[in-house]
C-alpha atoms as a PDB file:
ATOM      1  CA  MET A   1     -22.709  -0.982  18.648  1.00  0.00           C
ATOM      2  CA  ARG A   2     -20.807  -1.918  15.487  1.00  0.00           C
ATOM      3  CA  ILE A   3     -17.695  -0.107  14.366  1.00  0.00           C
ATOM      4  CA  ARG A   4     -15.974  -0.501  11.009  1.00  0.00           C
ATOM      5  CA  LEU A   5     -12.307   0.418  10.720  1.00  0.00           C
ATOM      6  CA  THR A   6     -10.248   0.726   7.562  1.00  0.00           C
ATOM      7  CA  HIS A   7      -6.502   1.338   7.562  1.00  0.00           C
ATOM      8  CA  HIS A   8      -4.210   1.900   4.543  1.00  0.00           C
ATOM      9  CA  THR A   9      -0.425   1.681   4.630  1.00  0.00           C
ATOM     10  CA  THR A  10       1.518   2.673   1.510  1.00  0.00           C
ATOM     11  CA  TYR A  11       5.193   2.009   0.892  1.00  0.00           C
ATOM     12  CA  ASP A  12       7.026   3.878  -1.883  1.00  0.00           C
ATOM     13  CA  TYR A  13      10.422   2.503  -2.822  1.00  0.00           C
ATOM     14  CA  GLU A  14      13.109   4.723  -4.350  1.00  0.00           C
ATOM     15  CA  ARG A  15      14.262   1.701  -6.372  1.00  0.00           C
ATOM     16  CA  PRO A  16      11.832  -1.111  -7.157  1.00  0.00           C
ATOM     17  CA  ALA A  17      12.057  -3.918  -4.595  1.00  0.00           C
ATOM     18  CA  ARG A  18      12.906  -7.328  -6.031  1.00  0.00           C
ATOM     19  CA  ALA A  19      10.721  -9.017  -3.402  1.00  0.00           C
ATOM     20  CA  ILE A  20       8.919  -8.109  -0.182  1.00  0.00           C
ATOM     21  CA  ASN A  21       8.481 -10.355   2.845  1.00  0.00           C
ATOM     22  CA  GLN A  22       6.515  -8.706   5.645  1.00  0.00           C
ATOM     23  CA  ARG A  23       4.938  -9.839   8.911  1.00  0.00           C
ATOM     24  CA  LEU A  24       1.642  -8.076   9.682  1.00  0.00           C
ATOM     25  CA  ARG A  25       0.135  -7.887  13.160  1.00  0.00           C
ATOM     26  CA  LEU A  26      -2.909  -5.751  12.528  1.00  0.00           C
ATOM     27  CA  PRO A  27      -6.164  -7.400  13.631  1.00  0.00           C
ATOM     28  CA  PRO A  28      -7.354  -6.702  17.166  1.00  0.00           C
ATOM     29  CA  ARG A  29      -8.122  -9.576  19.503  1.00  0.00           C
ATOM     30  CA  SER A  30     -11.646 -10.465  20.513  1.00  0.00           C
ATOM     31  CA  HIS A  31     -12.262 -10.315  24.279  1.00  0.00           C
ATOM     32  CA  ASP A  32     -15.132  -9.752  26.736  1.00  0.00           C
ATOM     33  CA  GLY A  33     -15.523  -6.088  25.737  1.00  0.00           C
ATOM     34  CA  GLN A  34     -15.205  -6.536  21.961  1.00  0.00           C
ATOM     35  CA  ARG A  35     -15.834  -9.166  19.333  1.00  0.00           C
ATOM     36  CA  VAL A  36     -14.222  -9.043  15.911  1.00  0.00           C
ATOM     37  CA  ILE A  37     -16.803 -10.247  13.377  1.00  0.00           C
ATOM     38  CA  ARG A  38     -14.795  -9.928  10.140  1.00  0.00           C
ATOM     39  CA  TRP A  39     -11.284  -8.916   9.237  1.00  0.00           C
ATOM     40  CA  ARG A  40      -9.804  -8.589   5.763  1.00  0.00           C
ATOM     41  CA  VAL A  41      -6.277  -7.856   4.536  1.00  0.00           C
ATOM     42  CA  GLY A  42      -5.844  -6.701   0.923  1.00  0.00           C
ATOM     43  CA  PHE A  43      -2.975  -5.688  -1.349  1.00  0.00           C
ATOM     44  CA  ASP A  44      -2.906  -3.572  -4.506  1.00  0.00           C
ATOM     45  CA  VAL A  45      -0.387  -6.010  -6.073  1.00  0.00           C
ATOM     46  CA  ASP A  46      -0.336  -9.798  -6.318  1.00  0.00           C
ATOM     47  CA  ALA A  47       0.644 -11.178  -2.927  1.00  0.00           C
ATOM     48  CA  GLU A  48       0.709 -14.507  -1.172  1.00  0.00           C
ATOM     49  CA  LEU A  49      -0.734 -14.175   2.326  1.00  0.00           C
ATOM     50  CA  ARG A  50      -0.332 -16.778   5.064  1.00  0.00           C
ATOM     51  CA  ARG A  51      -2.301 -16.576   8.266  1.00  0.00           C
ATOM     52  CA  GLY A  52      -0.873 -17.731  11.584  1.00  0.00           C
ATOM     53  CA  GLU A  53      -0.195 -16.757  15.170  1.00  0.00           C
ATOM     54  CA  ASP A  54       2.831 -15.199  16.794  1.00  0.00           C
ATOM     55  CA  VAL A  55       4.396 -16.620  19.972  1.00  0.00           C
ATOM     56  CA  LEU A  56       1.904 -14.671  22.133  1.00  0.00           C
ATOM     57  CA  GLY A  57      -1.144 -16.073  20.329  1.00  0.00           C
ATOM     58  CA  ASN A  58      -1.873 -12.894  18.365  1.00  0.00           C
ATOM     59  CA  LEU A  59      -3.227 -13.242  14.835  1.00  0.00           C
ATOM     60  CA  ALA A  60      -0.434 -12.478  12.386  1.00  0.00           C
ATOM     61  CA  HIS A  61      -0.119 -12.667   8.621  1.00  0.00           C
ATOM     62  CA  THR A  62       3.012 -13.113   6.548  1.00  0.00           C
ATOM     63  CA  ALA A  63       2.928 -11.477   3.115  1.00  0.00           C
ATOM     64  CA  PHE A  64       5.154 -12.442   0.196  1.00  0.00           C
ATOM     65  CA  VAL A  65       5.269 -10.160  -2.858  1.00  0.00           C
ATOM     66  CA  ARG A  66       7.398 -10.856  -5.902  1.00  0.00           C
ATOM     67  CA  GLY A  67       8.861  -7.796  -7.576  1.00  0.00           C
ATOM     68  CA  PRO A  68       9.784  -5.605  -9.019  1.00  0.00           C
ATOM     69  CA  VAL A  69       7.515  -3.408  -6.904  1.00  0.00           C
ATOM     70  CA  SER A  70       7.929   0.369  -6.673  1.00  0.00           C
ATOM     71  CA  ARG A  71       4.793   0.972  -4.580  1.00  0.00           C
ATOM     72  CA  LEU A  72       2.763  -1.231  -2.253  1.00  0.00           C
ATOM     73  CA  THR A  73      -0.492  -0.446  -0.457  1.00  0.00           C
ATOM     74  CA  ILE A  74      -1.903  -2.716   2.229  1.00  0.00           C
ATOM     75  CA  THR A  75      -5.535  -2.212   3.278  1.00  0.00           C
ATOM     76  CA  VAL A  76      -7.091  -3.812   6.321  1.00  0.00           C
ATOM     77  CA  ALA A  77     -10.756  -3.538   7.215  1.00  0.00           C
END
Protein backbone atom coordinates (compact mmCIF):
# COMPACT_ATOMS: atom_id res chain seq x y z
CA MET A 1 0.00 0.00 0.00
CA ARG A 2 1.24 3.50 -0.83
CA ILE A 3 0.25 6.54 1.16
CA ARG A 4 0.91 10.15 0.20
CA LEU A 5 0.97 12.79 2.93
CA THR A 6 1.05 16.55 2.50
CA HIS A 7 1.43 18.97 5.40
CA HIS A 8 1.34 22.80 5.29
CA THR A 9 2.54 25.07 8.08
CA THR A 10 1.93 28.81 7.75
CA TYR A 11 3.50 31.50 9.91
CA ASP A 12 2.04 35.03 9.92
CA TYR A 13 4.20 37.69 11.50
CA GLU A 14 2.68 40.84 13.02
CA ARG A 15 5.80 42.72 11.88
CA PRO A 16 7.84 41.44 8.95
CA ALA A 17 10.73 39.25 10.09
CA ARG A 18 14.17 40.44 9.02
CA ALA A 19 15.36 36.84 8.69
CA ILE A 20 14.17 33.35 9.63
CA ASN A 21 16.37 30.45 10.72
CA GLN A 22 14.41 27.28 11.43
CA ARG A 23 15.25 23.64 12.09
CA LEU A 24 12.73 21.21 10.57
CA ARG A 25 12.33 17.62 11.72
CA LEU A 26 9.45 16.48 9.57
CA PRO A 27 10.25 13.38 7.49
CA PRO A 28 9.44 10.00 9.03
CA ARG A 29 12.12 7.35 9.29
CA SER A 30 12.11 4.26 7.14
CA HIS A 31 11.99 0.99 9.12
CA ASP A 32 10.82 -2.62 8.70
CA GLY A 33 7.14 -1.62 8.62
CA GLN A 34 7.47 1.43 6.35
CA ARG A 35 9.71 2.71 3.60
CA VAL A 36 9.85 6.37 2.64
CA ILE A 37 10.21 6.55 -1.15
CA ARG A 38 10.27 10.34 -1.66
CA TRP A 39 10.16 13.36 0.58
CA ARG A 40 10.06 17.00 -0.47
CA VAL A 41 10.21 20.25 1.51
CA GLY A 42 9.03 23.45 -0.20
CA PHE A 43 8.69 27.12 0.70
CA ASP A 44 6.51 29.87 -0.78
CA VAL A 45 9.44 32.33 -0.48
CA ASP A 46 13.09 32.06 -1.48
CA ALA A 47 14.85 29.89 1.09
CA GLU A 48 18.16 28.15 1.48
CA LEU A 49 17.64 24.59 2.73
CA ARG A 50 20.39 22.40 4.16
CA ARG A 51 19.84 18.73 4.80
CA GLY A 52 21.48 16.92 7.70
CA GLU A 53 20.90 14.71 10.71
CA ASP A 54 20.26 15.56 14.33
CA VAL A 55 22.19 13.91 17.17
CA LEU A 56 19.77 10.94 17.17
CA GLY A 57 20.24 10.24 13.45
CA ASN A 58 16.89 11.71 12.40
CA LEU A 59 16.70 13.53 9.07
CA ALA A 60 16.57 17.26 9.74
CA HIS A 61 16.65 20.33 7.53
CA THR A 62 17.79 23.83 8.41
CA ALA A 63 16.03 26.63 6.54
CA PHE A 64 17.39 30.14 6.10
CA VAL A 65 15.07 32.86 4.77
CA ARG A 66 16.15 36.44 4.23
CA GLY A 67 13.49 39.04 4.95
CA PRO A 68 11.55 41.01 5.22
CA VAL A 69 8.95 38.25 5.40
CA SER A 70 5.42 38.82 6.72
CA ARG A 71 4.13 35.33 5.89
CA LEU A 72 5.84 31.98 5.37
CA THR A 73 4.32 28.67 4.30
CA ILE A 74 6.28 25.42 4.45
CA THR A 75 4.90 22.41 2.56
CA VAL A 76 6.19 18.89 2.99
CA ALA A 77 5.01 15.94 0.92
